[in-house]
Amino acid sequence: MRRLTHYGPSLIVLATATLVLFAGPSAVRQLTFEQTRAEIQLASQRLTESPILEELNAAYRDIATMVAPTVVYISTQQRIDGPDGRQILNSSGSGWIYDEAGHIVTNAHVVENAEDIEVQLNDGQLRPATLVGVDLHTDIAVVRIEPGHLHPAARSRSHNVRQGDMVFAFGSPFEFRFSMSSGIVSGLGRTTLVDIVYQNF
């Protein structure tokens, strides 16, 4: 009995070599171009026919609608003695509304030693704030503004978080106020920040 032999990859290599030998590099480039164009058209068709991306976009927008009004921008001023006399040191950061009574959670390094604290709400309102308390060991602080028309943030439990979970960050990095970004939980139980005593990130 004659045994059948599979020549698939070998035939492809042979066909390509033959094409290069007799048709020249331009024909190979044209073949590659046509193949790439076909792959692009197929991918576009799959994305058009599937509702996944639009559903994902809608979910992202809903998250922004739900969370953005709960996030605030915090600016502080501290007066210090400098070589040219009394100077004003400005600082800023982000926080989130804890309750309708006006309590806001932020980082301790944002408001520590601040003499003036101002909170900007997502709708643009500016309200003065007073410092309630600071915990330098966890870099957490609480300030309070006058209550009224506030949207407290919904909270969950950290023990439900798993590596790989999708997460969203809201804040004002580098003065880009009220920004939103996304990523995943890269890891749990991190203890690498030397300036914070209690760590479990």
C-alpha atoms as a PDB file:
ATOM      1  CA  MET A   1       0.000   0.000   0.000  1.00  0.00           C
ATOM      2  CA  ARG A   2       1.283   3.457  -0.866  1.00  0.00           C
ATOM      3  CA  ARG A   3       1.525   5.878   2.043  1.00  0.00           C
ATOM      4  CA  LEU A   4       0.066   9.388   1.643  1.00  0.00           C
ATOM      5  CA  THR A   5       2.415  12.191   2.573  1.00  0.00           C
ATOM      6  CA  HIS A   6       1.353  15.664   3.795  1.00  0.00           C
ATOM      7  CA  TYR A   7       3.235  18.369   1.892  1.00  0.00           C
ATOM      8  CA  GLY A   8       1.272  21.452   3.075  1.00  0.00           C
ATOM      9  CA  PRO A   9       4.017  23.722   4.518  1.00  0.00           C
ATOM     10  CA  SER A  10       6.584  22.496   2.021  1.00  0.00           C
ATOM     11  CA  LEU A  11       4.320  23.307  -0.899  1.00  0.00           C
ATOM     12  CA  ILE A  12       3.712  26.828   0.455  1.00  0.00           C
ATOM     13  CA  VAL A  13       7.439  27.461   0.759  1.00  0.00           C
ATOM     14  CA  LEU A  14       8.003  26.023  -2.711  1.00  0.00           C
ATOM     15  CA  ALA A  15       5.220  28.136  -4.213  1.00  0.00           C
ATOM     16  CA  THR A  16       6.577  31.289  -2.604  1.00  0.00           C
ATOM     17  CA  ALA A  17      10.103  30.544  -3.773  1.00  0.00           C
ATOM     18  CA  THR A  18       8.834  29.867  -7.294  1.00  0.00           C
ATOM     19  CA  LEU A  19       6.883  33.132  -7.267  1.00  0.00           C
ATOM     20  CA  VAL A  20       9.941  35.090  -6.170  1.00  0.00           C
ATOM     21  CA  LEU A  21      12.112  33.352  -8.761  1.00  0.00           C
ATOM     22  CA  PHE A  22       9.862  33.826 -11.771  1.00  0.00           C
ATOM     23  CA  ALA A  23       7.568  36.729 -10.925  1.00  0.00           C
ATOM     24  CA  GLY A  24       9.958  38.909  -8.967  1.00  0.00           C
ATOM     25  CA  PRO A  25       9.708  40.813  -5.672  1.00  0.00           C
ATOM     26  CA  SER A  26       6.967  43.118  -6.945  1.00  0.00           C
ATOM     27  CA  ALA A  27       4.558  40.201  -7.302  1.00  0.00           C
ATOM     28  CA  VAL A  28       5.326  39.085  -3.750  1.00  0.00           C
ATOM     29  CA  ARG A  29       4.638  42.582  -2.443  1.00  0.00           C
ATOM     30  CA  GLN A  30       1.351  42.645  -4.333  1.00  0.00           C
ATOM     31  CA  LEU A  31       0.383  39.246  -2.913  1.00  0.00           C
ATOM     32  CA  THR A  32       1.217  40.404   0.622  1.00  0.00           C
ATOM     33  CA  PHE A  33      -0.745  43.616   0.101  1.00  0.00           C
ATOM     34  CA  GLU A  34      -3.829  41.751  -1.122  1.00  0.00           C
ATOM     35  CA  GLN A  35      -3.642  39.325   1.792  1.00  0.00           C
ATOM     36  CA  THR A  36      -3.399  42.165   4.325  1.00  0.00           C
ATOM     37  CA  ARG A  37      -6.292  44.017   2.695  1.00  0.00           C
ATOM     38  CA  ALA A  38      -8.439  40.884   2.857  1.00  0.00           C
ATOM     39  CA  GLU A  39      -7.602  40.448   6.551  1.00  0.00           C
ATOM     40  CA  ILE A  40      -8.521  44.092   7.248  1.00  0.00           C
ATOM     41  CA  GLN A  41     -11.856  43.723   5.468  1.00  0.00           C
ATOM     42  CA  LEU A  42     -12.631  40.508   7.357  1.00  0.00           C
ATOM     43  CA  ALA A  43     -11.776  42.074  10.718  1.00  0.00           C
ATOM     44  CA  SER A  44     -13.886  45.128   9.904  1.00  0.00           C
ATOM     45  CA  GLN A  45     -16.810  42.915   8.952  1.00  0.00           C
ATOM     46  CA  ARG A  46     -16.581  40.944  12.188  1.00  0.00           C
ATOM     47  CA  LEU A  47     -16.484  44.124  14.284  1.00  0.00           C
ATOM     48  CA  THR A  48     -19.407  45.635  12.368  1.00  0.00           C
ATOM     49  CA  GLU A  49     -21.571  42.556  12.800  1.00  0.00           C
ATOM     50  CA  SER A  50     -20.758  42.116  16.513  1.00  0.00           C
ATOM     51  CA  PRO A  51     -22.376  44.362  19.169  1.00  0.00           C
ATOM     52  CA  ILE A  52     -19.551  43.780  21.653  1.00  0.00           C
ATOM     53  CA  LEU A  53     -17.667  47.040  21.066  1.00  0.00           C
ATOM     54  CA  GLU A  54     -20.777  49.216  21.182  1.00  0.00           C
ATOM     55  CA  GLU A  55     -21.948  47.467  24.351  1.00  0.00           C
ATOM     56  CA  LEU A  56     -18.511  47.985  25.893  1.00  0.00           C
ATOM     57  CA  ASN A  57     -18.530  51.672  24.924  1.00  0.00           C
ATOM     58  CA  ALA A  58     -21.974  52.083  26.450  1.00  0.00           C
ATOM     59  CA  ALA A  59     -20.785  50.453  29.681  1.00  0.00           C
ATOM     60  CA  TYR A  60     -17.764  52.786  29.830  1.00  0.00           C
ATOM     61  CA  ARG A  61     -20.002  55.810  29.362  1.00  0.00           C
ATOM     62  CA  ASP A  62     -22.354  54.604  32.096  1.00  0.00           C
ATOM     63  CA  ILE A  63     -19.414  54.189  34.480  1.00  0.00           C
ATOM     64  CA  ALA A  64     -18.285  57.742  33.722  1.00  0.00           C
ATOM     65  CA  THR A  65     -21.819  59.059  34.276  1.00  0.00           C
ATOM     66  CA  MET A  66     -22.071  57.245  37.606  1.00  0.00           C
ATOM     67  CA  VAL A  67     -18.614  58.004  39.038  1.00  0.00           C
ATOM     68  CA  ALA A  68     -17.553  61.408  37.672  1.00  0.00           C
ATOM     69  CA  PRO A  69     -19.980  63.462  39.835  1.00  0.00           C
ATOM     70  CA  THR A  70     -18.540  61.828  42.978  1.00  0.00           C
ATOM     71  CA  VAL A  71     -14.946  62.928  42.282  1.00  0.00           C
ATOM     72  CA  VAL A  72     -13.534  66.315  43.314  1.00  0.00           C
ATOM     73  CA  TYR A  73     -10.449  68.395  42.631  1.00  0.00           C
ATOM     74  CA  ILE A  74      -8.649  69.727  45.705  1.00  0.00           C
ATOM     75  CA  SER A  75      -6.286  72.695  45.760  1.00  0.00           C
ATOM     76  CA  THR A  76      -4.368  73.878  48.823  1.00  0.00           C
ATOM     77  CA  GLN A  77      -2.169  76.751  49.876  1.00  0.00           C
ATOM     78  CA  GLN A  78       0.537  76.844  52.507  1.00  0.00           C
ATOM     79  CA  ARG A  79       2.537  79.902  53.514  1.00  0.00           C
ATOM     80  CA  ILE A  80       6.219  79.263  54.121  1.00  0.00           C
ATOM     81  CA  ASP A  81       9.277  81.362  54.867  1.00  0.00           C
ATOM     82  CA  GLY A  82      11.627  81.538  51.887  1.00  0.00           C
ATOM     83  CA  PRO A  83      14.821  83.401  51.028  1.00  0.00           C
ATOM     84  CA  ASP A  84      12.726  86.215  49.563  1.00  0.00           C
ATOM     85  CA  GLY A  85      10.336  86.387  52.473  1.00  0.00           C
ATOM     86  CA  ARG A  86       6.905  84.864  52.904  1.00  0.00           C
ATOM     87  CA  GLN A  87       5.934  82.613  49.988  1.00  0.00           C
ATOM     88  CA  ILE A  88       2.833  80.630  49.059  1.00  0.00           C
ATOM     89  CA  LEU A  89       3.195  76.923  48.298  1.00  0.00           C
ATOM     90  CA  ASN A  90       0.392  75.544  46.120  1.00  0.00           C
ATOM     91  CA  SER A  91      -0.570  71.884  45.973  1.00  0.00           C
ATOM     92  CA  SER A  92      -3.389  69.902  44.399  1.00  0.00           C
ATOM     93  CA  GLY A  93      -4.896  66.452  44.246  1.00  0.00           C
ATOM     94  CA  SER A  94      -8.104  64.496  43.961  1.00  0.00           C
ATOM     95  CA  GLY A  95     -10.706  63.135  46.326  1.00  0.00           C
ATOM     96  CA  TRP A  96     -14.109  61.515  46.407  1.00  0.00           C
ATOM     97  CA  ILE A  97     -17.314  62.396  48.198  1.00  0.00           C
ATOM     98  CA  TYR A  98     -17.946  60.066  51.123  1.00  0.00           C
ATOM     99  CA  ASP A  99     -21.388  61.209  52.236  1.00  0.00           C
ATOM    100  CA  GLU A 100     -24.025  63.891  51.817  1.00  0.00           C
ATOM    101  CA  ALA A 101     -22.749  65.606  54.978  1.00  0.00           C
ATOM    102  CA  GLY A 102     -19.798  66.875  52.941  1.00  0.00           C
ATOM    103  CA  HIS A 103     -17.006  64.542  54.033  1.00  0.00           C
ATOM    104  CA  ILE A 104     -14.405  63.948  51.324  1.00  0.00           C
ATOM    105  CA  VAL A 105     -11.640  61.344  51.309  1.00  0.00           C
ATOM    106  CA  THR A 106      -8.287  62.339  49.834  1.00  0.00           C
ATOM    107  CA  ASN A 107      -4.556  61.740  50.349  1.00  0.00           C
ATOM    108  CA  ALA A 108      -2.778  63.025  53.422  1.00  0.00           C
ATOM    109  CA  HIS A 109       0.114  64.423  51.405  1.00  0.00           C
ATOM    110  CA  VAL A 110      -2.331  66.636  49.496  1.00  0.00           C
ATOM    111  CA  VAL A 111      -3.706  68.497  52.526  1.00  0.00           C
ATOM    112  CA  GLU A 112      -1.018  68.032  55.171  1.00  0.00           C
ATOM    113  CA  ASN A 113      -0.022  71.407  56.703  1.00  0.00           C
ATOM    114  CA  ALA A 114      -2.363  73.232  54.323  1.00  0.00           C
ATOM    115  CA  GLU A 115      -3.709  76.558  55.555  1.00  0.00           C
ATOM    116  CA  ASP A 116      -6.338  76.983  52.846  1.00  0.00           C
ATOM    117  CA  ILE A 117      -8.216  74.117  51.192  1.00  0.00           C
ATOM    118  CA  GLU A 118     -10.610  74.546  48.280  1.00  0.00           C
ATOM    119  CA  VAL A 119     -12.701  71.837  46.647  1.00  0.00           C
ATOM    120  CA  GLN A 120     -13.980  71.972  43.087  1.00  0.00           C
ATOM    121  CA  LEU A 121     -16.951  69.762  42.322  1.00  0.00           C
ATOM    122  CA  ASN A 122     -17.446  68.065  38.993  1.00  0.00           C
ATOM    123  CA  ASP A 123     -20.010  70.682  37.973  1.00  0.00           C
ATOM    124  CA  GLY A 124     -17.500  73.486  38.559  1.00  0.00           C
ATOM    125  CA  GLN A 125     -18.680  74.664  41.977  1.00  0.00           C
ATOM    126  CA  LEU A 126     -15.940  75.854  44.351  1.00  0.00           C
ATOM    127  CA  ARG A 127     -16.337  75.323  48.087  1.00  0.00           C
ATOM    128  CA  PRO A 128     -13.906  75.981  50.931  1.00  0.00           C
ATOM    129  CA  ALA A 129     -12.992  72.935  52.998  1.00  0.00           C
ATOM    130  CA  THR A 130     -11.792  72.279  56.520  1.00  0.00           C
ATOM    131  CA  LEU A 131      -9.463  69.487  57.561  1.00  0.00           C
ATOM    132  CA  VAL A 132     -11.149  66.787  59.650  1.00  0.00           C
ATOM    133  CA  GLY A 133      -8.278  64.373  60.142  1.00  0.00           C
ATOM    134  CA  VAL A 134      -5.057  62.968  58.697  1.00  0.00           C
ATOM    135  CA  ASP A 135      -3.508  59.506  58.933  1.00  0.00           C
ATOM    136  CA  LEU A 136       0.055  59.716  57.671  1.00  0.00           C
ATOM    137  CA  HIS A 137       0.583  55.973  58.115  1.00  0.00           C
ATOM    138  CA  THR A 138      -1.930  55.210  55.354  1.00  0.00           C
ATOM    139  CA  ASP A 139      -1.647  58.545  53.500  1.00  0.00           C
ATOM    140  CA  ILE A 140      -5.386  59.091  53.967  1.00  0.00           C
ATOM    141  CA  ALA A 141      -7.101  62.323  54.991  1.00  0.00           C
ATOM    142  CA  VAL A 142     -10.663  63.580  55.352  1.00  0.00           C
ATOM    143  CA  VAL A 143     -11.820  67.122  54.652  1.00  0.00           C
ATOM    144  CA  ARG A 144     -15.305  68.564  54.880  1.00  0.00           C
ATOM    145  CA  ILE A 145     -17.232  71.036  52.750  1.00  0.00           C
ATOM    146  CA  GLU A 146     -20.663  72.541  53.196  1.00  0.00           C
ATOM    147  CA  PRO A 147     -23.318  69.934  52.346  1.00  0.00           C
ATOM    148  CA  GLY A 148     -25.879  70.328  49.631  1.00  0.00           C
ATOM    149  CA  HIS A 149     -26.364  68.778  46.194  1.00  0.00           C
ATOM    150  CA  LEU A 150     -23.563  66.244  46.695  1.00  0.00           C
ATOM    151  CA  HIS A 151     -23.288  62.815  45.083  1.00  0.00           C
ATOM    152  CA  PRO A 152     -21.554  60.321  47.417  1.00  0.00           C
ATOM    153  CA  ALA A 153     -19.529  57.576  45.774  1.00  0.00           C
ATOM    154  CA  ALA A 154     -20.803  54.009  45.773  1.00  0.00           C
ATOM    155  CA  ARG A 155     -18.404  51.758  47.671  1.00  0.00           C
ATOM    156  CA  SER A 156     -17.571  48.074  47.591  1.00  0.00           C
ATOM    157  CA  ARG A 157     -15.300  45.712  49.519  1.00  0.00           C
ATOM    158  CA  SER A 158     -11.683  45.251  48.555  1.00  0.00           C
ATOM    159  CA  HIS A 159     -11.703  41.518  49.312  1.00  0.00           C
ATOM    160  CA  ASN A 160     -13.769  41.021  46.140  1.00  0.00           C
ATOM    161  CA  VAL A 161     -10.919  42.349  43.985  1.00  0.00           C
ATOM    162  CA  ARG A 162      -8.982  39.808  41.934  1.00  0.00           C
ATOM    163  CA  GLN A 163      -5.889  40.107  39.777  1.00  0.00           C
ATOM    164  CA  GLY A 164      -6.921  40.875  36.214  1.00  0.00           C
ATOM    165  CA  ASP A 165     -10.120  42.705  37.179  1.00  0.00           C
ATOM    166  CA  MET A 166     -10.918  45.737  35.061  1.00  0.00           C
ATOM    167  CA  VAL A 167     -10.509  49.016  36.960  1.00  0.00           C
ATOM    168  CA  PHE A 168     -11.118  52.690  36.238  1.00  0.00           C
ATOM    169  CA  ALA A 169      -9.242  55.661  37.661  1.00  0.00           C
ATOM    170  CA  PHE A 170     -10.807  59.095  38.080  1.00  0.00           C
ATOM    171  CA  GLY A 171      -8.784  62.119  39.097  1.00  0.00           C
ATOM    172  CA  SER A 172      -6.783  65.127  37.994  1.00  0.00           C
ATOM    173  CA  PRO A 173      -3.226  63.999  37.204  1.00  0.00           C
ATOM    174  CA  PHE A 174      -0.840  66.776  36.150  1.00  0.00           C
ATOM    175  CA  GLU A 175      -3.724  69.283  36.292  1.00  0.00           C
ATOM    176  CA  PHE A 176      -5.772  67.393  33.695  1.00  0.00           C
ATOM    177  CA  ARG A 177      -8.857  67.840  35.807  1.00  0.00           C
ATOM    178  CA  PHE A 178     -11.583  65.228  36.061  1.00  0.00           C
ATOM    179  CA  SER A 179      -9.864  62.676  33.860  1.00  0.00           C
ATOM    180  CA  MET A 180     -10.844  59.043  33.449  1.00  0.00           C
ATOM    181  CA  SER A 181      -8.587  56.143  32.523  1.00  0.00           C
ATOM    182  CA  SER A 182      -8.833  52.366  32.627  1.00  0.00           C
ATOM    183  CA  GLY A 183      -6.653  49.330  33.188  1.00  0.00           C
ATOM    184  CA  ILE A 184      -6.563  46.086  35.117  1.00  0.00           C
ATOM    185  CA  VAL A 185      -5.529  45.038  38.608  1.00  0.00           C
ATOM    186  CA  SER A 186      -1.880  44.127  38.070  1.00  0.00           C
ATOM    187  CA  GLY A 187      -1.408  42.504  41.465  1.00  0.00           C
ATOM    188  CA  LEU A 188      -2.507  42.323  45.093  1.00  0.00           C
ATOM    189  CA  GLY A 189      -0.767  42.687  48.429  1.00  0.00           C
ATOM    190  CA  ARG A 190       1.898  45.104  47.209  1.00  0.00           C
ATOM    191  CA  THR A 191       4.186  46.579  49.878  1.00  0.00           C
ATOM    192  CA  THR A 192       6.735  48.577  47.919  1.00  0.00           C
ATOM    193  CA  LEU A 193       5.959  52.189  48.831  1.00  0.00           C
ATOM    194  CA  VAL A 194       8.525  53.184  51.455  1.00  0.00           C
ATOM    195  CA  ASP A 195       6.741  56.360  52.614  1.00  0.00           C
ATOM    196  CA  ILE A 196       3.589  54.565  53.812  1.00  0.00           C
ATOM    197  CA  VAL A 197       3.619  52.401  56.954  1.00  0.00           C
ATOM    198  CA  TYR A 198       0.479  50.329  56.379  1.00  0.00           C
ATOM    199  CA  GLN A 199       0.473  48.827  52.905  1.00  0.00           C
ATOM    200  CA  ASN A 200      -1.661  46.262  51.120  1.00  0.00           C
ATOM    201  CA  PHE A 201      -2.099  47.400  47.550  1.00  0.00           C
END
